[in-house]
Structure formats: structure tokens, C-alpha cells
Amino acid sequence: MSELTVGDVIAERTFAITRDSLVRYAGASGDFNNIHYRDDIAHSVGLPGVLAHGMLTMGLAVQPVVDWLGERGVVLDYHVRFTRPVLVDAIEGAHITVVAKIGLADEDSTRIDLVVTAADQTVLGKSQVRVSFT
């Protein structure tokens, strides 16, 4: 799309995650690793507490772009680097914030760069989505 400029913020969203969210995701994904719902197990393997599933974090991070894109195009590619785990407190839960900005726009595709944070720390690095408009 010609009206897109590098640096434009195209979407922002914050997702709340609870321990209940993790249980539902485990059921949907089949990933029942105990570190995603039991503090004692997480601590026993050296983790600071229960962690959100990496694929849940990755899926939530791309959703604002998918919503923004709608029927206007398709996602061609999506990749991230997991840089920090998302700790999910038993009472407070966690919040994942996503800011999506145009990183590169040319005639064939548009790269959207994602800044994904939780507890004021980047949790996904090199998060990029490449889209094409139909």
C-alpha cells in the first residue's frame, strides 16, 4: 500500500494472560508441560515461576497485524526470537503489549516490525511479519 510509511504505527494492543488462559491454551495446543501451570515444578527446574507458552506469546503478538490486515492481504512470513519468558503470576497474571510498526514497504510486500513486551521488558526480539496486499 503506497500510503504506508516506514515508522508508522499500524496497531497497538495489550493482552491479559491469566493462569486460566494457560490452562485453556494447554488444552488447545496439547502442551501440558508443568512449567506452564505449577510454580513448584517451574522452581524445581530453575525458573522464577510459571511461564506462558512461547507459542501463545507468539500467536498473541501477530494478532494485531492480522486484525489490521483483515481481508486486504495475507501474511507471507512471520518469525520471532524468544528473548525472555513471560512470567504469569497466580494472582496478577501478566500483560503482553504489542506495538506494530511499518519496517519496510515496497511494491511486493510490507515488513511489519513488532515490539513485544511484558513487565516492561522485551520478550520477543527480531519480531517481523511480512504481508502482501491483494
Protein backbone atom coordinates (compact mmCIF):
# COMPACT_ATOMS: atom_id res chain seq x y z
CA MET A 1 0.00 0.00 0.00
CA SER A 2 1.52 3.27 -1.11
CA GLU A 3 0.23 5.28 1.87
CA LEU A 4 2.34 3.30 4.35
CA THR A 5 5.49 4.97 5.63
CA VAL A 6 8.36 3.35 7.47
CA GLY A 7 7.87 4.00 11.18
CA ASP A 8 4.06 4.27 11.03
CA VAL A 9 2.38 2.50 13.94
CA ILE A 10 -0.37 0.40 12.40
CA ALA A 11 -1.58 -1.41 15.53
CA GLU A 12 -1.17 -1.49 19.32
CA ARG A 13 -2.75 -3.90 21.74
CA THR A 14 -2.32 -5.29 25.24
CA PHE A 15 -3.34 -8.85 26.06
CA ALA A 16 -4.07 -10.03 29.61
CA ILE A 17 -2.97 -13.57 30.40
CA THR A 18 -4.09 -15.48 33.46
CA ARG A 19 -3.31 -18.94 34.72
CA ASP A 20 -6.73 -19.89 33.34
CA SER A 21 -5.55 -18.68 29.92
CA LEU A 22 -2.59 -21.03 30.18
CA VAL A 23 -4.79 -23.99 31.03
CA ARG A 24 -7.07 -23.26 28.06
CA TYR A 25 -4.07 -22.87 25.75
CA ALA A 26 -2.57 -26.14 27.03
CA GLY A 27 -5.83 -27.92 26.20
CA ALA A 28 -5.97 -26.43 22.71
CA SER A 29 -2.30 -26.99 21.90
CA GLY A 30 -1.67 -30.25 23.74
CA ASP A 31 1.32 -28.68 25.54
CA PHE A 32 0.81 -29.78 29.14
CA ASN A 33 4.34 -29.10 30.35
CA ASN A 34 4.05 -28.49 34.10
CA ILE A 35 6.11 -25.27 33.96
CA HIS A 36 3.06 -23.63 32.43
CA TYR A 37 0.80 -24.17 35.44
CA ARG A 38 2.75 -25.33 38.51
CA ASP A 39 5.04 -23.00 40.43
CA ASP A 40 6.71 -25.85 42.31
CA ILE A 41 7.75 -27.56 39.09
CA ALA A 42 8.87 -24.28 37.50
CA HIS A 43 11.00 -23.51 40.56
CA SER A 44 12.43 -27.04 40.65
CA VAL A 45 13.91 -26.55 37.16
CA GLY A 46 15.35 -23.13 37.99
CA LEU A 47 12.60 -20.90 36.65
CA PRO A 48 11.28 -17.93 38.63
CA GLY A 49 7.68 -19.11 38.27
CA VAL A 50 5.02 -20.27 35.83
CA LEU A 51 5.71 -19.22 32.24
CA ALA A 52 3.35 -18.53 29.38
CA HIS A 53 3.75 -20.89 26.44
CA GLY A 54 6.10 -19.42 23.86
CA MET A 55 3.71 -20.22 21.03
CA LEU A 56 0.89 -18.48 22.91
CA THR A 57 3.04 -15.35 23.20
CA MET A 58 3.99 -15.58 19.53
CA GLY A 59 0.37 -16.06 18.46
CA LEU A 60 -0.87 -13.13 20.51
CA ALA A 61 1.90 -10.92 19.13
CA VAL A 62 0.85 -11.37 15.50
CA GLN A 63 -2.89 -10.95 16.14
CA PRO A 64 -2.96 -7.12 15.94
CA VAL A 65 -1.36 -7.34 12.49
CA VAL A 66 -3.85 -9.98 11.34
CA ASP A 67 -6.73 -7.80 12.59
CA TRP A 68 -5.29 -4.70 10.87
CA LEU A 69 -4.70 -6.58 7.62
CA GLY A 70 -8.17 -8.11 7.52
CA GLU A 71 -9.28 -9.19 4.06
CA ARG A 72 -6.88 -6.76 2.34
CA GLY A 73 -4.00 -9.19 2.15
CA VAL A 74 -2.15 -12.19 3.52
CA VAL A 75 0.67 -12.94 5.93
CA LEU A 76 3.60 -14.27 3.92
CA ASP A 77 6.09 -14.84 6.71
CA TYR A 78 6.38 -14.41 10.46
CA HIS A 79 9.34 -15.01 12.71
CA VAL A 80 10.49 -14.08 16.19
CA ARG A 81 13.36 -14.67 18.56
CA PHE A 82 12.33 -15.61 22.07
CA THR A 83 14.36 -13.32 24.33
CA ARG A 84 12.66 -13.55 27.75
CA PRO A 85 9.91 -15.70 29.19
CA VAL A 86 6.57 -14.23 30.17
CA LEU A 87 6.01 -14.89 33.87
CA VAL A 88 2.35 -15.34 34.77
CA ASP A 89 1.64 -14.53 38.40
CA ALA A 90 -1.06 -16.62 40.09
CA ILE A 91 -2.98 -13.51 41.19
CA GLU A 92 -1.95 -10.68 38.86
CA GLY A 93 -1.43 -12.71 35.69
CA ALA A 94 0.62 -10.97 33.01
CA HIS A 95 0.14 -8.41 30.26
CA ILE A 96 1.73 -8.67 26.83
CA THR A 97 1.87 -5.41 24.89
CA VAL A 98 2.37 -5.35 21.13
CA VAL A 99 3.26 -2.31 19.02
CA ALA A 100 3.33 -2.96 15.28
CA LYS A 101 5.22 -0.53 13.02
CA ILE A 102 5.97 -0.46 9.32
CA GLY A 103 9.57 -1.58 8.93
CA LEU A 104 9.85 -1.70 5.15
CA ALA A 105 7.31 -1.08 2.42
CA ASP A 106 7.89 -1.94 -1.22
CA GLU A 107 5.72 -2.95 -4.15
CA ASP A 108 5.89 -6.69 -3.44
CA SER A 109 5.46 -6.86 0.31
CA THR A 110 5.46 -4.90 3.55
CA ARG A 111 7.52 -5.80 6.61
CA ILE A 112 5.91 -5.03 9.93
CA ASP A 113 8.18 -4.92 12.96
CA LEU A 114 6.70 -5.88 16.32
CA VAL A 115 7.81 -4.62 19.72
CA VAL A 116 6.50 -7.18 22.21
CA THR A 117 6.88 -6.52 25.92
CA ALA A 118 5.76 -7.90 29.26
CA ALA A 119 6.59 -6.34 32.62
CA ASP A 120 8.39 -3.53 30.76
CA GLN A 121 10.83 -5.97 29.15
CA THR A 122 11.09 -7.11 25.56
CA VAL A 123 10.02 -10.76 25.38
CA LEU A 124 10.25 -11.31 21.61
CA GLY A 125 13.14 -9.95 19.59
CA LYS A 126 13.52 -9.66 15.83
CA SER A 127 9.74 -9.99 15.57
CA GLN A 128 8.81 -9.38 11.97
CA VAL A 129 5.74 -10.09 9.88
CA ARG A 130 5.85 -9.85 6.11
CA VAL A 131 2.49 -9.19 4.44
CA SER A 132 1.27 -8.78 0.90
CA PHE A 133 -1.80 -6.83 -0.14
CA THR A 134 -4.19 -8.46 -2.58
